[in-house]
Protein backbone atom coordinates (compact mmCIF):
# COMPACT_ATOMS: atom_id res chain seq x y z
CA UNK A 1 77.26 166.54 130.16
CA UNK A 2 74.27 164.29 130.75
CA UNK A 3 74.74 162.85 127.28
CA UNK A 4 78.39 162.01 128.01
CA UNK A 5 77.46 160.35 131.30
CA UNK A 6 74.78 158.28 129.60
CA UNK A 7 77.17 157.21 126.84
CA UNK A 8 79.82 156.17 129.34
CA UNK A 9 77.22 154.28 131.39
CA UNK A 10 75.95 152.53 128.30
CA UNK A 11 79.52 151.60 127.37
CA UNK A 12 80.09 150.12 130.83
CA UNK A 13 76.87 148.10 130.63
CA UNK A 14 77.66 146.75 127.16
CA UNK A 15 81.25 145.99 128.18
CA UNK A 16 79.94 144.13 131.22
CA UNK A 17 77.61 142.04 129.02
CA UNK A 18 80.42 141.18 126.64
CA UNK A 19 82.68 140.34 129.57
CA UNK A 20 80.16 137.71 130.64
CA UNK A 21 80.11 136.19 127.16
CA UNK A 22 83.55 134.74 126.36
CA UNK A 23 84.42 134.21 122.73
CA UNK A 24 83.13 130.95 121.31
CA UNK A 25 85.58 129.40 118.85
CA UNK A 26 84.42 127.30 115.91
CA UNK A 27 85.79 124.03 114.59
CA UNK A 28 85.27 121.75 111.61
CA UNK A 29 84.28 118.44 113.16
CA UNK A 30 83.38 115.11 111.63
CA UNK A 31 79.98 113.91 112.71
CA UNK A 32 80.03 110.39 114.05
CA UNK A 33 77.20 107.87 114.04
CA UNK A 34 75.24 108.29 117.25
CA UNK A 35 72.08 106.94 118.84
CA UNK A 36 70.09 107.20 115.62
CA UNK A 37 72.47 105.06 113.57
CA UNK A 38 73.76 102.80 116.31
CA UNK A 39 70.48 102.03 118.05
CA UNK A 40 67.34 103.14 116.22
CA UNK A 41 68.37 102.23 112.69
CA UNK A 42 70.14 99.07 113.86
CA UNK A 43 66.89 97.84 115.36
CA UNK A 44 64.89 98.90 112.29
CA UNK A 45 67.30 97.15 109.91
CA UNK A 46 67.00 94.02 112.02
CA UNK A 47 63.27 94.14 111.33
CA UNK A 48 63.93 94.12 107.57
CA UNK A 49 63.65 97.86 106.99
CA UNK A 50 65.67 99.30 104.13
CA UNK A 51 69.19 100.05 105.32
CA UNK A 52 70.22 103.64 105.83
CA UNK A 53 74.01 103.98 105.70
CA UNK A 54 75.78 106.20 108.19
CA UNK A 55 76.81 109.57 106.82
CA UNK A 56 80.23 110.92 107.66
CA UNK A 57 80.71 114.58 106.99
CA UNK A 58 82.45 117.52 108.55
CA UNK A 59 80.33 120.28 109.99
CA UNK A 60 81.23 123.69 111.37
CA UNK A 61 80.35 123.68 115.06
CA UNK A 62 80.96 125.70 118.17
CA UNK A 63 83.98 124.33 119.97
CA UNK A 64 82.98 123.62 123.56
CA UNK A 65 86.43 122.35 124.57
CA UNK A 66 87.34 123.60 128.02
CA UNK A 67 83.90 125.13 128.55
CA UNK A 68 81.46 124.08 131.26
CA UNK A 69 77.67 124.27 131.21
CA UNK A 70 74.80 123.39 133.56
CA UNK A 71 74.02 120.20 131.65
CA UNK A 72 72.83 118.14 134.59
CA UNK A 73 69.14 117.47 135.08
CA UNK A 74 69.56 117.71 138.85
CA UNK A 75 70.40 121.43 138.63
CA UNK A 76 66.96 122.34 137.30
CA UNK A 77 63.69 123.25 138.94
CA UNK A 78 61.41 120.80 137.15
CA UNK A 79 57.70 120.41 136.63
CA UNK A 80 56.18 116.94 136.65
CA UNK A 81 56.62 114.98 133.44
CA UNK A 82 56.90 111.40 132.31
CA UNK A 83 60.35 110.15 131.20
CA UNK A 84 61.45 110.98 127.64
CA UNK A 85 60.39 108.59 124.88
CA UNK A 86 61.83 108.21 121.39
CA UNK A 87 60.00 109.16 118.22
CA UNK A 88 62.19 106.61 116.42
CA UNK A 89 62.58 107.04 112.68
CA UNK A 90 59.58 109.35 112.24
CA UNK A 91 59.07 113.08 111.75
CA UNK A 92 56.50 113.33 114.53
CA UNK A 93 58.27 115.55 117.08
CA UNK A 94 55.26 117.89 116.92
CA UNK A 95 53.09 115.12 118.36
CA UNK A 96 55.56 113.63 120.85
CA UNK A 97 56.35 117.02 122.38
CA UNK A 98 52.72 118.12 122.62
CA UNK A 99 51.52 114.75 123.91
CA UNK A 100 54.16 115.00 126.64
CA UNK A 101 52.91 118.51 127.38
CA UNK A 102 49.34 117.28 127.81
CA UNK A 103 50.50 114.46 130.08
CA UNK A 104 52.03 117.16 132.30
CA UNK A 105 48.85 119.23 132.04
CA UNK A 106 46.71 116.30 133.17
CA UNK A 107 48.96 115.87 136.19
CA UNK A 108 48.93 119.60 136.95
CA UNK A 109 45.14 119.78 136.74
CA UNK A 110 44.11 116.44 138.25
CA UNK A 111 47.17 114.79 139.80
CA UNK A 112 46.73 111.76 137.53
CA UNK A 113 49.60 110.07 135.69
CA UNK A 114 48.58 108.86 132.23
CA UNK A 115 50.79 107.88 129.30
CA UNK A 116 48.94 109.09 126.21
CA UNK A 117 49.10 107.73 122.66
CA UNK A 118 51.08 109.77 120.18
CA UNK A 119 50.16 107.58 117.23
CA UNK A 120 46.43 107.90 117.76
CA UNK A 121 46.86 111.61 116.98
CA UNK A 122 49.29 110.95 114.11
CA UNK A 123 46.71 108.62 112.53
CA UNK A 124 43.98 111.26 112.49
CA UNK A 125 46.39 113.98 111.40
CA UNK A 126 47.06 112.01 108.22
CA UNK A 127 43.32 111.66 107.67
CA UNK A 128 42.84 115.41 108.06
CA UNK A 129 45.75 116.11 105.72
CA UNK A 130 44.18 113.91 103.07
CA UNK A 131 40.81 115.59 103.54
CA UNK A 132 42.28 119.04 102.98
CA UNK A 133 44.42 117.78 100.09
CA UNK A 134 41.22 116.80 98.29
CA UNK A 135 39.39 120.00 99.23
CA UNK A 136 42.31 122.11 97.93
CA UNK A 137 42.71 119.96 94.82
CA UNK A 138 46.28 119.11 95.72
CA UNK A 139 47.35 122.60 96.76
CA UNK A 140 47.96 121.57 100.36
CA UNK A 141 51.18 120.19 101.85
CA UNK A 142 51.15 116.46 102.54
CA UNK A 143 54.10 115.52 104.73
CA UNK A 144 55.04 114.06 108.09
CA UNK A 145 55.58 117.31 109.99
CA UNK A 146 52.98 119.45 111.72
CA UNK A 147 52.59 121.97 114.55
CA UNK A 148 51.77 121.74 118.24
CA UNK A 149 48.29 123.17 117.78
CA UNK A 150 47.49 120.36 115.36
CA UNK A 151 47.26 118.21 118.49
CA UNK A 152 44.69 120.50 120.10
CA UNK A 153 42.70 120.48 116.86
CA UNK A 154 42.85 116.68 116.58
CA UNK A 155 42.00 116.17 120.27
CA UNK A 156 38.97 118.39 119.89
CA UNK A 157 37.70 116.42 116.89
CA UNK A 158 38.81 112.87 117.71
CA UNK A 159 39.64 112.79 121.42
CA UNK A 160 42.59 110.80 122.74
CA UNK A 161 43.37 107.38 124.23
CA UNK A 162 46.06 105.96 126.55
CA UNK A 163 49.11 104.55 124.84
CA UNK A 164 48.46 101.06 126.15
CA UNK A 165 45.10 101.13 124.39
CA UNK A 166 46.62 102.18 121.05
CA UNK A 167 50.39 102.18 120.54
CA UNK A 168 50.42 102.36 116.73
CA UNK A 169 53.58 100.26 116.81
CA UNK A 170 54.05 97.51 114.26
CA UNK A 171 54.51 94.06 115.78
CA UNK A 172 58.15 93.18 116.35
CA UNK A 173 59.30 96.79 116.42
CA UNK A 174 61.17 98.49 119.24
CA UNK A 175 61.15 101.92 117.57
CA UNK A 176 58.62 103.66 115.37
CA UNK A 177 59.42 103.90 111.68
CA UNK A 178 57.14 105.41 109.04
CA UNK A 179 59.42 105.19 106.01
CA UNK A 180 57.41 102.58 104.12
CA UNK A 181 54.06 103.87 105.33
CA UNK A 182 54.69 107.45 104.29
CA UNK A 183 56.11 106.39 100.92
CA UNK A 184 52.90 104.49 100.25
CA UNK A 185 50.69 107.34 101.48
CA UNK A 186 52.57 109.92 99.43
CA UNK A 187 52.54 107.75 96.33
CA UNK A 188 48.80 107.30 96.60
CA UNK A 189 48.01 110.95 97.30
CA UNK A 190 50.20 112.09 94.40
CA UNK A 191 48.34 109.68 92.13
CA UNK A 192 45.05 111.19 93.27
CA UNK A 193 46.28 114.58 92.08
CA UNK A 194 47.74 113.27 88.82
CA UNK A 195 44.50 111.51 87.89
CA UNK A 196 42.08 114.13 89.29
CA UNK A 197 40.46 111.44 91.45
CA UNK A 198 38.92 113.94 93.87
CA UNK A 199 36.43 111.60 95.57
CA UNK A 200 36.86 112.49 99.24
CA UNK A 201 35.16 109.39 100.63
CA UNK A 202 37.30 107.11 98.49
CA UNK A 203 40.52 108.97 99.30
CA UNK A 204 39.85 108.91 103.05
CA UNK A 205 38.96 105.24 102.92
CA UNK A 206 42.17 104.37 101.08
CA UNK A 207 44.35 106.48 103.39
CA UNK A 208 42.76 104.78 106.40
CA UNK A 209 43.41 101.36 104.93
CA UNK A 210 47.12 102.18 104.56
CA UNK A 211 47.27 103.56 108.10
CA UNK A 212 45.39 100.54 109.45
CA UNK A 213 47.90 98.20 107.84
CA UNK A 214 50.94 99.88 109.38
CA UNK A 215 49.55 101.35 112.62
CA UNK A 216 46.43 99.34 113.44
CA UNK A 217 42.80 100.45 113.67
CA UNK A 218 42.26 103.12 116.36
CA UNK A 219 39.56 102.23 118.92
CA UNK A 220 36.10 103.77 118.85
CA UNK A 221 35.69 102.93 122.54
CA UNK A 222 37.73 101.25 125.26
CA UNK A 223 37.72 100.41 128.95
CA UNK A 224 39.97 102.25 131.34
CA UNK A 225 40.08 101.53 135.08
CA UNK A 226 36.69 99.88 135.03
CA UNK A 227 34.87 102.52 132.96
CA UNK A 228 34.08 102.49 129.27
CA UNK A 229 34.99 105.61 127.29
CA UNK A 230 34.98 106.92 123.77
CA UNK A 231 38.17 108.86 123.00
CA UNK A 232 36.30 112.17 123.31
CA UNK A 233 34.75 111.13 126.64
CA UNK A 234 38.19 110.15 127.91
CA UNK A 235 39.52 113.59 126.99
CA UNK A 236 36.80 115.56 128.75
CA UNK A 237 35.58 113.27 131.55
CA UNK A 238 38.78 111.56 132.67
CA UNK A 239 41.65 113.81 131.58
CA UNK A 240 39.65 117.01 132.22
CA UNK A 241 41.32 118.80 129.33
CA UNK A 242 39.61 121.68 127.53
CA UNK A 243 41.29 122.44 124.22
CA UNK A 244 40.09 126.04 124.12
CA UNK A 245 42.28 126.70 127.17
CA UNK A 246 45.47 126.42 125.12
CA UNK A 247 47.07 129.13 123.02
CA UNK A 248 50.04 129.55 120.70
CA UNK A 249 52.38 132.51 121.14
CA UNK A 250 54.52 133.59 118.19
CA UNK A 251 57.10 136.32 117.69
CA UNK A 252 58.08 137.52 114.24
CA UNK A 253 57.95 140.82 112.39
CA UNK A 254 56.40 139.70 109.10
CA UNK A 255 52.95 139.93 110.68
CA UNK A 256 51.71 142.80 112.89
CA UNK A 257 52.42 142.52 116.61
CA UNK A 258 49.48 142.35 119.02
CA UNK A 259 47.29 140.61 116.49
CA UNK A 260 46.52 136.99 115.79
CA UNK A 261 48.52 135.83 112.81
CA UNK A 262 49.29 132.88 110.60
CA UNK A 263 52.58 131.12 111.26
CA UNK A 264 53.79 130.96 107.68
CA UNK A 265 55.61 127.63 107.56
CA UNK A 266 54.87 124.48 105.58
CA UNK A 267 54.04 122.41 108.67
CA UNK A 268 51.17 124.78 109.42
CA UNK A 269 49.54 123.11 106.43
CA UNK A 270 45.99 124.09 107.40
CA UNK A 271 47.06 127.76 107.66
CA UNK A 272 46.05 128.33 111.27
CA UNK A 273 45.77 132.03 112.05
CA UNK A 274 45.41 131.49 115.80
CA UNK A 275 48.95 132.49 116.79
CA UNK A 276 49.24 135.45 119.18
CA UNK A 277 52.07 137.47 117.66
CA UNK A 278 54.04 139.58 120.14
CA UNK A 279 57.36 141.48 120.27
CA UNK A 280 60.36 139.40 121.28
CA UNK A 281 60.88 140.89 124.74
CA UNK A 282 57.23 140.19 125.62
CA UNK A 283 57.59 136.68 124.20
CA UNK A 284 60.61 135.91 126.36
CA UNK A 285 59.07 137.45 129.46
CA UNK A 286 55.90 135.38 129.01
CA UNK A 287 57.89 132.19 128.54
CA UNK A 288 60.01 132.85 131.61
CA UNK A 289 56.98 133.69 133.76
CA UNK A 290 55.12 130.58 132.60
CA UNK A 291 57.78 128.05 133.58
CA UNK A 292 58.54 129.85 136.85
CA UNK A 293 54.85 129.73 137.71
CA UNK A 294 54.76 125.94 137.20
CA UNK A 295 53.42 125.77 133.64
CA UNK A 296 55.28 123.74 131.05
CA UNK A 297 55.29 124.73 127.38
CA UNK A 298 55.85 123.25 123.92
CA UNK A 299 58.51 125.16 121.99
CA UNK A 300 59.18 124.96 118.26
CA UNK A 301 61.99 126.20 116.07
CA UNK A 302 65.46 125.47 114.75
CA UNK A 303 67.85 122.80 116.08
CA UNK A 304 70.27 122.73 113.14
CA UNK A 305 72.65 125.33 114.56
CA UNK A 306 76.39 125.26 115.14
CA UNK A 307 75.72 126.20 118.77
CA UNK A 308 73.71 123.06 119.47
CA UNK A 309 76.07 120.31 120.59
CA UNK A 310 74.54 116.84 120.71
CA UNK A 311 77.34 115.41 122.82
CA UNK A 312 77.08 118.02 125.58
CA UNK A 313 73.31 118.28 124.86
CA UNK A 314 73.69 122.04 125.14
CA UNK A 315 72.40 124.84 122.90
CA UNK A 316 73.79 128.37 122.97
CA UNK A 317 74.26 131.19 120.46
CA UNK A 318 78.02 131.40 119.77
CA UNK A 319 79.72 134.77 119.64
CA UNK A 320 80.75 134.12 116.03
CA UNK A 321 77.02 134.24 115.16
CA UNK A 322 75.80 137.25 117.15
CA UNK A 323 76.48 138.77 120.55
CA UNK A 324 73.78 137.95 123.06
CA UNK A 325 73.22 141.66 123.70
CA UNK A 326 72.37 142.18 120.01
CA UNK A 327 69.59 139.58 119.77
CA UNK A 328 66.39 141.48 119.05
CA UNK A 329 63.32 141.37 116.80
CA UNK A 330 65.39 142.33 113.78
CA UNK A 331 68.05 139.67 114.28
CA UNK A 332 65.36 137.06 114.79
CA UNK A 333 63.35 138.08 111.72
CA UNK A 334 66.46 138.38 109.55
CA UNK A 335 67.30 134.73 110.16
CA UNK A 336 63.74 133.57 109.64
CA UNK A 337 63.42 135.55 106.40
CA UNK A 338 66.67 134.27 104.91
CA UNK A 339 65.79 130.73 106.05
CA UNK A 340 68.76 130.24 108.36
CA UNK A 341 66.13 129.83 111.06
CA UNK A 342 63.87 126.96 110.12
CA UNK A 343 60.83 125.37 111.73
CA UNK A 344 62.27 121.89 112.17
CA UNK A 345 61.65 120.60 115.69
CA UNK A 346 59.16 120.63 118.57
CA UNK A 347 60.16 119.98 122.20
CA UNK A 348 58.69 120.08 125.69
CA UNK A 349 60.19 122.71 128.02
CA UNK A 350 59.82 121.38 131.56
CA UNK A 351 62.31 123.18 133.82
CA UNK A 352 64.56 126.15 134.48
CA UNK A 353 67.82 127.09 136.16
CA UNK A 354 69.52 130.43 136.67
CA UNK A 355 73.32 130.63 136.63
CA UNK A 356 75.08 133.95 137.21
CA UNK A 357 71.99 135.85 136.07
CA UNK A 358 71.60 133.77 132.89
CA UNK A 359 68.47 131.70 132.28
CA UNK A 360 68.80 128.07 131.24
CA UNK A 361 65.94 125.76 130.30
CA UNK A 362 65.52 122.01 130.61
CA UNK A 363 64.08 120.49 127.44
CA UNK A 364 62.48 117.04 127.24
CA UNK A 365 63.12 115.73 123.74
CA UNK A 366 61.95 112.82 121.58
CA UNK A 367 64.68 112.99 118.91
CA UNK A 368 67.86 110.94 118.74
CA UNK A 369 70.12 113.98 119.16
CA UNK A 370 69.47 114.17 122.90
CA UNK A 371 70.36 110.51 123.36
CA UNK A 372 74.04 110.35 122.43
CA UNK A 373 75.07 109.44 125.95
CA UNK A 374 74.64 106.68 128.52
CA UNK A 375 71.10 105.33 128.28
CA UNK A 376 71.04 104.94 132.05
CA UNK A 377 72.11 108.54 132.67
CA UNK A 378 69.53 111.00 134.06
CA UNK A 379 70.33 113.30 131.12
CA UNK A 380 69.27 110.74 128.49
CA UNK A 381 66.55 112.36 126.35
CA UNK A 382 67.07 115.95 127.50
CA UNK A 383 68.61 119.15 126.14
CA UNK A 384 69.85 122.21 128.03
CA UNK A 385 69.05 125.45 126.20
CA UNK A 386 70.51 128.77 127.25
CA UNK A 387 67.97 131.58 127.07
CA UNK A 388 69.66 133.28 124.13
CA UNK A 389 69.18 130.19 121.96
CA UNK A 390 65.45 130.25 122.58
CA UNK A 391 65.36 134.00 122.05
CA UNK A 392 66.95 133.80 118.61
CA UNK A 393 65.89 130.38 117.29
CA UNK A 394 62.66 129.17 118.95
CA UNK A 395 59.80 130.78 117.05
CA UNK A 396 56.65 129.85 118.97
CA UNK A 397 55.30 128.13 122.06
CA UNK A 398 52.06 126.47 123.16
CA UNK A 399 50.86 126.98 126.73
CA UNK A 400 47.78 127.13 128.94
CA UNK A 401 46.09 130.50 128.57
CA UNK A 402 46.23 131.19 132.33
CA UNK A 403 50.03 131.27 132.11
CA UNK A 404 49.94 134.22 129.69
CA UNK A 405 46.72 135.99 130.65
CA UNK A 406 48.46 139.36 131.03
CA UNK A 407 49.83 139.00 127.52
CA UNK A 408 46.47 137.99 126.06
CA UNK A 409 44.75 140.91 127.77
CA UNK A 410 46.70 143.28 125.51
CA UNK A 411 45.13 141.88 122.36
CA UNK A 412 42.25 143.79 120.83
CA UNK A 413 43.01 146.96 122.75
């Protein structure tokens, strides 16, 4: 009898969940040129960059017709952050999102508002990539992408500067573009491998010369508000940031839970094993507690899904993919293992909203996909992610250790 009662109760609960998740239809829809083609690439072409023609293709997408979502910034409880900025035609979301995160951290810790340089970090990341490429005799990925904790590593070694001290922007540009620069860097580094020219000092010098040409020479010291700093002094003495206070939380089954693990993706090119790997429910609970206790986080994962609509700026998991109630560790790992979940974008999670018991998150974004609307609108440069999208498709997050201290306390026990 008890078993029958339990089964009926479970059926009622599941039915209730499904009742709250109406069917999401799909549609084949032609993608139209948006902010990237109409604004970013238009400006870049005007500055004599190689033309990139618009691509018209039909994609299978969730059909949001007749559906409403909380896609207004004003609905959300927000933590302090600077307005969204564009990464232009570069694959540097990892740096833009994490730099934005540290701007919010500086304000949380000190009350100061400082716009930090993304390109200062990008510069030194390329140097470190080249260094490892030589050390590994070419068996190390050399690309544009990276991970959030690359920023903590680079800050620790090289410090950081305000953006007005070092913008890394070529003269005459409105948007960043690294097409020519990366082509030259990659061509050189490939030649190093092909000719076995493993002289580290020479390789680093040549890589720096290419970076200097396109981005400018980063400062060894600078003056800020009447005081002279080195980049490392600025980090510790003015910004008051301690890099050891920041941790990465990961959730996947291919490494043991409750241990530090390597995030096995190409952009983790230095094979960091400093990710705290936890079960999915613990991961989601920690993320929810962090933002509701006034900590922002950097999230990373997949934004190539049919449930992410760049016109509505909304991301959900459609019912034709998987029911929300069925998202668990297995569903998450299955998609990561078969590569339908990819590590392709980093963003800054800065707010939350609860609607009818469902969690929604406000995402500050540097990509063009969040900008296909009125540039003067408050929503320009933001996404609105329902909790199920993060649960299934966002693989890791970076946060201050105090926000997840209960989670960290379970490690090593």
